[in-house]
């Protein structure tokens, strides 16, 4: 979910998908 999908405050600190539980290695992309 992106900021444009939220009517109020966007509360996500680390948006995206990761390969590790510490959310340090992002594997998602915003490219088409």
ModelCIF file with pLDDT and N, C-alpha, C, O atoms, coordinates in Angstrom:
data_MODEL
#
_entry.id   MODEL 
#
_entity.id                         1 
_entity.type                       polymer 
_entity.pdbx_number_of_molecules   1 
#
_entity_poly.entity_id                      1 
_entity_poly.type                           'polypeptide(L)' 
_entity_poly.nstd_linkage                   no 
_entity_poly.nstd_monomer                   no 
_entity_poly.pdbx_seq_one_letter_code       
;(UNK)(UNK)(UNK)(UNK)(UNK)(UNK)(UNK)(UNK)(UNK)(UNK)(UNK)(UNK)(UNK)(UNK)(UNK)(UNK)
(UNK)(UNK)(UNK)(UNK)(UNK)(UNK)(UNK)(UNK)(UNK)(UNK)(UNK)(UNK)(UNK)(UNK)(UNK)(UNK)
;
_entity_poly.pdbx_seq_one_letter_code_can   XXXXXXXXXXXXXXXXXXXXXXXXXXXXXXXX 
_entity_poly.pdbx_strand_id                 A 
#
loop_
_entity_poly_seq.entity_id 
_entity_poly_seq.num 
_entity_poly_seq.mon_id 
_entity_poly_seq.hetero 
1 1  UNK n 
1 2  UNK n 
1 3  UNK n 
1 4  UNK n 
1 5  UNK n 
1 6  UNK n 
1 7  UNK n 
1 8  UNK n 
1 9  UNK n 
1 10 UNK n 
1 11 UNK n 
1 12 UNK n 
1 13 UNK n 
1 14 UNK n 
1 15 UNK n 
1 16 UNK n 
1 17 UNK n 
1 18 UNK n 
1 19 UNK n 
1 20 UNK n 
1 21 UNK n 
1 22 UNK n 
1 23 UNK n 
1 24 UNK n 
1 25 UNK n 
1 26 UNK n 
1 27 UNK n 
1 28 UNK n 
1 29 UNK n 
1 30 UNK n 
1 31 UNK n 
1 32 UNK n 
#
_struct_asym.id          A 
_struct_asym.entity_id   1 
#
loop_
_ma_qa_metric.id 
_ma_qa_metric.mode 
_ma_qa_metric.name 
_ma_qa_metric.software_group_id 
_ma_qa_metric.type 
1 global pLDDT . pLDDT 
2 local  pLDDT . pLDDT 
#
_ma_qa_metric_global.metric_id      1 
_ma_qa_metric_global.metric_value   90.16 
_ma_qa_metric_global.model_id       1 
_ma_qa_metric_global.ordinal_id     1 
#
loop_
_ma_qa_metric_local.label_asym_id 
_ma_qa_metric_local.label_comp_id 
_ma_qa_metric_local.label_seq_id 
_ma_qa_metric_local.metric_id 
_ma_qa_metric_local.metric_value 
_ma_qa_metric_local.model_id 
_ma_qa_metric_local.ordinal_id 
A UNK 1  2 91.00 1 1  
A UNK 2  2 90.00 1 2  
A UNK 3  2 87.00 1 3  
A UNK 4  2 83.00 1 4  
A UNK 5  2 81.00 1 5  
A UNK 6  2 80.00 1 6  
A UNK 7  2 72.00 1 7  
A UNK 8  2 76.00 1 8  
A UNK 9  2 83.00 1 9  
A UNK 10 2 86.00 1 10 
A UNK 11 2 89.00 1 11 
A UNK 12 2 91.00 1 12 
A UNK 13 2 91.00 1 13 
A UNK 14 2 93.00 1 14 
A UNK 15 2 94.00 1 15 
A UNK 16 2 95.00 1 16 
A UNK 17 2 96.00 1 17 
A UNK 18 2 97.00 1 18 
A UNK 19 2 96.00 1 19 
A UNK 20 2 96.00 1 20 
A UNK 21 2 94.00 1 21 
A UNK 22 2 94.00 1 22 
A UNK 23 2 94.00 1 23 
A UNK 24 2 95.00 1 24 
A UNK 25 2 96.00 1 25 
A UNK 26 2 96.00 1 26 
A UNK 27 2 96.00 1 27 
A UNK 28 2 95.00 1 28 
A UNK 29 2 92.00 1 29 
A UNK 30 2 91.00 1 30 
A UNK 31 2 90.00 1 31 
A UNK 32 2 85.00 1 32 
#
loop_
_atom_site.group_PDB 
_atom_site.id 
_atom_site.type_symbol 
_atom_site.label_atom_id 
_atom_site.label_alt_id 
_atom_site.label_comp_id 
_atom_site.label_asym_id 
_atom_site.label_entity_id 
_atom_site.label_seq_id 
_atom_site.pdbx_PDB_ins_code 
_atom_site.Cartn_x 
_atom_site.Cartn_y 
_atom_site.Cartn_z 
_atom_site.occupancy 
_atom_site.B_iso_or_equiv 
_atom_site.pdbx_formal_charge 
_atom_site.auth_seq_id 
_atom_site.auth_comp_id 
_atom_site.auth_asym_id 
_atom_site.auth_atom_id 
_atom_site.pdbx_PDB_model_num 
ATOM 1   N N  . UNK A 1 1  ? 0.830  -1.199  0.000   1.00 91.00 ? 1  UNK A N  1 
ATOM 2   C CA . UNK A 1 1  ? 0.000  0.000   0.000   1.00 91.00 ? 1  UNK A CA 1 
ATOM 3   C C  . UNK A 1 1  ? 0.872  1.261   0.000   1.00 91.00 ? 1  UNK A C  1 
ATOM 4   O O  . UNK A 1 1  ? 1.839  1.361   0.755   1.00 91.00 ? 1  UNK A O  1 
ATOM 5   N N  . UNK A 1 2  ? 0.510  2.223   -0.865  1.00 90.00 ? 2  UNK A N  1 
ATOM 6   C CA . UNK A 1 2  ? 1.289  3.455   -1.010  1.00 90.00 ? 2  UNK A CA 1 
ATOM 7   C C  . UNK A 1 2  ? 0.578  4.621   -0.330  1.00 90.00 ? 2  UNK A C  1 
ATOM 8   O O  . UNK A 1 2  ? -0.588 4.523   0.053   1.00 90.00 ? 2  UNK A O  1 
ATOM 9   N N  . UNK A 1 3  ? 1.305  5.719   -0.190  1.00 87.00 ? 3  UNK A N  1 
ATOM 10  C CA . UNK A 1 3  ? 0.733  6.896   0.475   1.00 87.00 ? 3  UNK A CA 1 
ATOM 11  C C  . UNK A 1 3  ? -0.501 7.405   -0.245  1.00 87.00 ? 3  UNK A C  1 
ATOM 12  O O  . UNK A 1 3  ? -1.414 7.932   0.390   1.00 87.00 ? 3  UNK A O  1 
ATOM 13  N N  . UNK A 1 4  ? -0.543 7.256   -1.568  1.00 83.00 ? 4  UNK A N  1 
ATOM 14  C CA . UNK A 1 4  ? -1.684 7.733   -2.345  1.00 83.00 ? 4  UNK A CA 1 
ATOM 15  C C  . UNK A 1 4  ? -2.947 6.922   -2.071  1.00 83.00 ? 4  UNK A C  1 
ATOM 16  O O  . UNK A 1 4  ? -4.044 7.342   -2.439  1.00 83.00 ? 4  UNK A O  1 
ATOM 17  N N  . UNK A 1 5  ? -2.800 5.760   -1.425  1.00 81.00 ? 5  UNK A N  1 
ATOM 18  C CA . UNK A 1 5  ? -3.945 4.892   -1.140  1.00 81.00 ? 5  UNK A CA 1 
ATOM 19  C C  . UNK A 1 5  ? -4.542 5.152   0.232   1.00 81.00 ? 5  UNK A C  1 
ATOM 20  O O  . UNK A 1 5  ? -5.498 4.484   0.627   1.00 81.00 ? 5  UNK A O  1 
ATOM 21  N N  . UNK A 1 6  ? -3.990 6.116   0.966   1.00 80.00 ? 6  UNK A N  1 
ATOM 22  C CA . UNK A 1 6  ? -4.411 6.370   2.344   1.00 80.00 ? 6  UNK A CA 1 
ATOM 23  C C  . UNK A 1 6  ? -4.967 7.787   2.443   1.00 80.00 ? 6  UNK A C  1 
ATOM 24  O O  . UNK A 1 6  ? -4.308 8.747   2.044   1.00 80.00 ? 6  UNK A O  1 
ATOM 25  N N  . UNK A 1 7  ? -6.180 7.912   2.976   1.00 72.00 ? 7  UNK A N  1 
ATOM 26  C CA . UNK A 1 7  ? -6.800 9.231   3.080   1.00 72.00 ? 7  UNK A CA 1 
ATOM 27  C C  . UNK A 1 7  ? -6.164 10.078  4.176   1.00 72.00 ? 7  UNK A C  1 
ATOM 28  O O  . UNK A 1 7  ? -6.079 11.299  4.043   1.00 72.00 ? 7  UNK A O  1 
ATOM 29  N N  . UNK A 1 8  ? -5.713 9.437   5.264   1.00 76.00 ? 8  UNK A N  1 
ATOM 30  C CA . UNK A 1 8  ? -5.109 10.174  6.368   1.00 76.00 ? 8  UNK A CA 1 
ATOM 31  C C  . UNK A 1 8  ? -3.593 10.067  6.365   1.00 76.00 ? 8  UNK A C  1 
ATOM 32  O O  . UNK A 1 8  ? -2.959 10.073  5.310   1.00 76.00 ? 8  UNK A O  1 
ATOM 33  N N  . UNK A 1 9  ? -3.017 9.968   7.567   1.00 83.00 ? 9  UNK A N  1 
ATOM 34  C CA . UNK A 1 9  ? -1.567 9.882   7.707   1.00 83.00 ? 9  UNK A CA 1 
ATOM 35  C C  . UNK A 1 9  ? -1.063 8.521   7.240   1.00 83.00 ? 9  UNK A C  1 
ATOM 36  O O  . UNK A 1 9  ? -1.671 7.492   7.535   1.00 83.00 ? 9  UNK A O  1 
ATOM 37  N N  . UNK A 1 10 ? 0.036  8.521   6.521   1.00 86.00 ? 10 UNK A N  1 
ATOM 38  C CA . UNK A 1 10 ? 0.658  7.273   6.057   1.00 86.00 ? 10 UNK A CA 1 
ATOM 39  C C  . UNK A 1 10 ? 1.604  6.791   7.159   1.00 86.00 ? 10 UNK A C  1 
ATOM 40  O O  . UNK A 1 10 ? 2.654  7.392   7.389   1.00 86.00 ? 10 UNK A O  1 
ATOM 41  N N  . UNK A 1 11 ? 1.226  5.698   7.841   1.00 89.00 ? 11 UNK A N  1 
ATOM 42  C CA . UNK A 1 11 ? 1.920  5.281   9.058   1.00 89.00 ? 11 UNK A CA 1 
ATOM 43  C C  . UNK A 1 11 ? 2.957  4.185   8.843   1.00 89.00 ? 11 UNK A C  1 
ATOM 44  O O  . UNK A 1 11 ? 3.499  3.650   9.810   1.00 89.00 ? 11 UNK A O  1 
ATOM 45  N N  . UNK A 1 12 ? 3.237  3.847   7.599   1.00 91.00 ? 12 UNK A N  1 
ATOM 46  C CA . UNK A 1 12 ? 4.186  2.762   7.331   1.00 91.00 ? 12 UNK A CA 1 
ATOM 47  C C  . UNK A 1 12 ? 5.621  3.293   7.375   1.00 91.00 ? 12 UNK A C  1 
ATOM 48  O O  . UNK A 1 12 ? 5.978  4.199   6.621   1.00 91.00 ? 12 UNK A O  1 
ATOM 49  N N  . UNK A 1 13 ? 6.438  2.722   8.263   1.00 91.00 ? 13 UNK A N  1 
ATOM 50  C CA . UNK A 1 13 ? 7.814  3.188   8.406   1.00 91.00 ? 13 UNK A CA 1 
ATOM 51  C C  . UNK A 1 13 ? 8.725  2.628   7.317   1.00 91.00 ? 13 UNK A C  1 
ATOM 52  O O  . UNK A 1 13 ? 9.597  3.337   6.816   1.00 91.00 ? 13 UNK A O  1 
ATOM 53  N N  . UNK A 1 14 ? 8.526  1.346   6.941   1.00 93.00 ? 14 UNK A N  1 
ATOM 54  C CA . UNK A 1 14 ? 9.394  0.703   5.955   1.00 93.00 ? 14 UNK A CA 1 
ATOM 55  C C  . UNK A 1 14 ? 8.531  0.013   4.899   1.00 93.00 ? 14 UNK A C  1 
ATOM 56  O O  . UNK A 1 14 ? 8.410  -1.212  4.896   1.00 93.00 ? 14 UNK A O  1 
ATOM 57  N N  . UNK A 1 15 ? 7.943  0.787   4.019   1.00 94.00 ? 15 UNK A N  1 
ATOM 58  C CA . UNK A 1 15 ? 7.099  0.159   2.988   1.00 94.00 ? 15 UNK A CA 1 
ATOM 59  C C  . UNK A 1 15 ? 7.920  -0.727  2.064   1.00 94.00 ? 15 UNK A C  1 
ATOM 60  O O  . UNK A 1 15 ? 9.083  -0.445  1.774   1.00 94.00 ? 15 UNK A O  1 
ATOM 61  N N  . UNK A 1 16 ? 7.289  -1.805  1.607   1.00 95.00 ? 16 UNK A N  1 
ATOM 62  C CA . UNK A 1 16 ? 7.949  -2.684  0.658   1.00 95.00 ? 16 UNK A CA 1 
ATOM 63  C C  . UNK A 1 16 ? 8.062  -4.103  1.179   1.00 95.00 ? 16 UNK A C  1 
ATOM 64  O O  . UNK A 1 16 ? 7.615  -4.416  2.282   1.00 95.00 ? 16 UNK A O  1 
ATOM 65  N N  . UNK A 1 17 ? 8.673  -4.963  0.357   1.00 96.00 ? 17 UNK A N  1 
ATOM 66  C CA . UNK A 1 17 ? 8.862  -6.376  0.678   1.00 96.00 ? 17 UNK A CA 1 
ATOM 67  C C  . UNK A 1 17 ? 10.359 -6.651  0.816   1.00 96.00 ? 17 UNK A C  1 
ATOM 68  O O  . UNK A 1 17 ? 11.175 -6.118  0.064   1.00 96.00 ? 17 UNK A O  1 
ATOM 69  N N  . UNK A 1 18 ? 10.704 -7.499  1.797   1.00 97.00 ? 18 UNK A N  1 
ATOM 70  C CA . UNK A 1 18 ? 12.106 -7.761  2.112   1.00 97.00 ? 18 UNK A CA 1 
ATOM 71  C C  . UNK A 1 18 ? 12.352 -9.269  2.166   1.00 97.00 ? 18 UNK A C  1 
ATOM 72  O O  . UNK A 1 18 ? 11.425 -10.068 2.297   1.00 97.00 ? 18 UNK A O  1 
ATOM 73  N N  . UNK A 1 19 ? 13.637 -9.632  2.061   1.00 96.00 ? 19 UNK A N  1 
ATOM 74  C CA . UNK A 1 19 ? 14.000 -11.041 2.141   1.00 96.00 ? 19 UNK A CA 1 
ATOM 75  C C  . UNK A 1 19 ? 14.407 -11.447 3.547   1.00 96.00 ? 19 UNK A C  1 
ATOM 76  O O  . UNK A 1 19 ? 14.669 -12.624 3.794   1.00 96.00 ? 19 UNK A O  1 
ATOM 77  N N  . UNK A 1 20 ? 14.465 -10.498 4.474   1.00 96.00 ? 20 UNK A N  1 
ATOM 78  C CA . UNK A 1 20 ? 14.869 -10.808 5.840   1.00 96.00 ? 20 UNK A CA 1 
ATOM 79  C C  . UNK A 1 20 ? 13.925 -10.159 6.825   1.00 96.00 ? 20 UNK A C  1 
ATOM 80  O O  . UNK A 1 20 ? 13.272 -9.160  6.524   1.00 96.00 ? 20 UNK A O  1 
ATOM 81  N N  . UNK A 1 21 ? 13.865 -10.756 8.030   1.00 94.00 ? 21 UNK A N  1 
ATOM 82  C CA . UNK A 1 21 ? 12.917 -10.306 9.035   1.00 94.00 ? 21 UNK A CA 1 
ATOM 83  C C  . UNK A 1 21 ? 13.281 -8.960  9.623   1.00 94.00 ? 21 UNK A C  1 
ATOM 84  O O  . UNK A 1 21 ? 12.420 -8.306  10.211  1.00 94.00 ? 21 UNK A O  1 
ATOM 85  N N  . UNK A 1 22 ? 14.522 -8.520  9.488   1.00 94.00 ? 22 UNK A N  1 
ATOM 86  C CA . UNK A 1 22 ? 14.915 -7.207  9.991   1.00 94.00 ? 22 UNK A CA 1 
ATOM 87  C C  . UNK A 1 22 ? 14.616 -6.092  8.996   1.00 94.00 ? 22 UNK A C  1 
ATOM 88  O O  . UNK A 1 22 ? 14.869 -4.919  9.272   1.00 94.00 ? 22 UNK A O  1 
ATOM 89  N N  . UNK A 1 23 ? 14.085 -6.457  7.858   1.00 94.00 ? 23 UNK A N  1 
ATOM 90  C CA . UNK A 1 23 ? 13.669 -5.508  6.821   1.00 94.00 ? 23 UNK A CA 1 
ATOM 91  C C  . UNK A 1 23 ? 14.841 -4.624  6.373   1.00 94.00 ? 23 UNK A C  1 
ATOM 92  O O  . UNK A 1 23 ? 14.739 -3.400  6.294   1.00 94.00 ? 23 UNK A O  1 
ATOM 93  N N  . UNK A 1 24 ? 15.942 -5.294  6.090   1.00 95.00 ? 24 UNK A N  1 
ATOM 94  C CA . UNK A 1 24 ? 17.121 -4.560  5.613   1.00 95.00 ? 24 UNK A CA 1 
ATOM 95  C C  . UNK A 1 24 ? 17.400 -4.809  4.135   1.00 95.00 ? 24 UNK A C  1 
ATOM 96  O O  . UNK A 1 24 ? 18.034 -3.988  3.473   1.00 95.00 ? 24 UNK A O  1 
ATOM 97  N N  . UNK A 1 25 ? 16.932 -5.930  3.623   1.00 96.00 ? 25 UNK A N  1 
ATOM 98  C CA . UNK A 1 25 ? 17.241 -6.291  2.228   1.00 96.00 ? 25 UNK A CA 1 
ATOM 99  C C  . UNK A 1 25 ? 15.951 -6.252  1.404   1.00 96.00 ? 25 UNK A C  1 
ATOM 100 O O  . UNK A 1 25 ? 15.235 -7.247  1.300   1.00 96.00 ? 25 UNK A O  1 
ATOM 101 N N  . UNK A 1 26 ? 15.673 -5.087  0.825   1.00 96.00 ? 26 UNK A N  1 
ATOM 102 C CA . UNK A 1 26 ? 14.429 -4.940  0.061   1.00 96.00 ? 26 UNK A CA 1 
ATOM 103 C C  . UNK A 1 26 ? 14.530 -5.688  -1.263  1.00 96.00 ? 26 UNK A C  1 
ATOM 104 O O  . UNK A 1 26 ? 15.522 -5.567  -1.983  1.00 96.00 ? 26 UNK A O  1 
ATOM 105 N N  . UNK A 1 27 ? 13.498 -6.457  -1.573  1.00 96.00 ? 27 UNK A N  1 
ATOM 106 C CA . UNK A 1 27 ? 13.468 -7.210  -2.834  1.00 96.00 ? 27 UNK A CA 1 
ATOM 107 C C  . UNK A 1 27 ? 12.360 -6.704  -3.758  1.00 96.00 ? 27 UNK A C  1 
ATOM 108 O O  . UNK A 1 27 ? 12.253 -7.148  -4.902  1.00 96.00 ? 27 UNK A O  1 
ATOM 109 N N  . UNK A 1 28 ? 11.540 -5.781  -3.266  1.00 95.00 ? 28 UNK A N  1 
ATOM 110 C CA . UNK A 1 28 ? 10.474 -5.239  -4.116  1.00 95.00 ? 28 UNK A CA 1 
ATOM 111 C C  . UNK A 1 28 ? 11.006 -4.074  -4.926  1.00 95.00 ? 28 UNK A C  1 
ATOM 112 O O  . UNK A 1 28 ? 12.060 -3.514  -4.626  1.00 95.00 ? 28 UNK A O  1 
ATOM 113 N N  . UNK A 1 29 ? 10.258 -3.721  -5.956  1.00 92.00 ? 29 UNK A N  1 
ATOM 114 C CA . UNK A 1 29 ? 10.636 -2.614  -6.819  1.00 92.00 ? 29 UNK A CA 1 
ATOM 115 C C  . UNK A 1 29 ? 9.409  -1.776  -7.141  1.00 92.00 ? 29 UNK A C  1 
ATOM 116 O O  . UNK A 1 29 ? 8.283  -2.274  -7.118  1.00 92.00 ? 29 UNK A O  1 
ATOM 117 N N  . UNK A 1 30 ? 9.634  -0.493  -7.442  1.00 91.00 ? 30 UNK A N  1 
ATOM 118 C CA . UNK A 1 30 ? 8.550  0.380   -7.890  1.00 91.00 ? 30 UNK A CA 1 
ATOM 119 C C  . UNK A 1 30 ? 8.579  0.575   -9.398  1.00 91.00 ? 30 UNK A C  1 
ATOM 120 O O  . UNK A 1 30 ? 7.776  1.324   -9.956  1.00 91.00 ? 30 UNK A O  1 
ATOM 121 N N  . UNK A 1 31 ? 9.508  -0.105  -10.047 1.00 90.00 ? 31 UNK A N  1 
ATOM 122 C CA . UNK A 1 31 ? 9.591  -0.012  -11.507 1.00 90.00 ? 31 UNK A CA 1 
ATOM 123 C C  . UNK A 1 31 ? 8.453  -0.787  -12.150 1.00 90.00 ? 31 UNK A C  1 
ATOM 124 O O  . UNK A 1 31 ? 8.003  -1.804  -11.624 1.00 90.00 ? 31 UNK A O  1 
ATOM 125 N N  . UNK A 1 32 ? 7.997  -0.297  -13.292 1.00 85.00 ? 32 UNK A N  1 
ATOM 126 C CA . UNK A 1 32 ? 6.936  -0.982  -14.019 1.00 85.00 ? 32 UNK A CA 1 
ATOM 127 C C  . UNK A 1 32 ? 7.417  -2.354  -14.467 1.00 85.00 ? 32 UNK A C  1 
ATOM 128 O O  . UNK A 1 32 ? 6.666  -3.095  -15.100 1.00 85.00 ? 32 UNK A O  1 
#
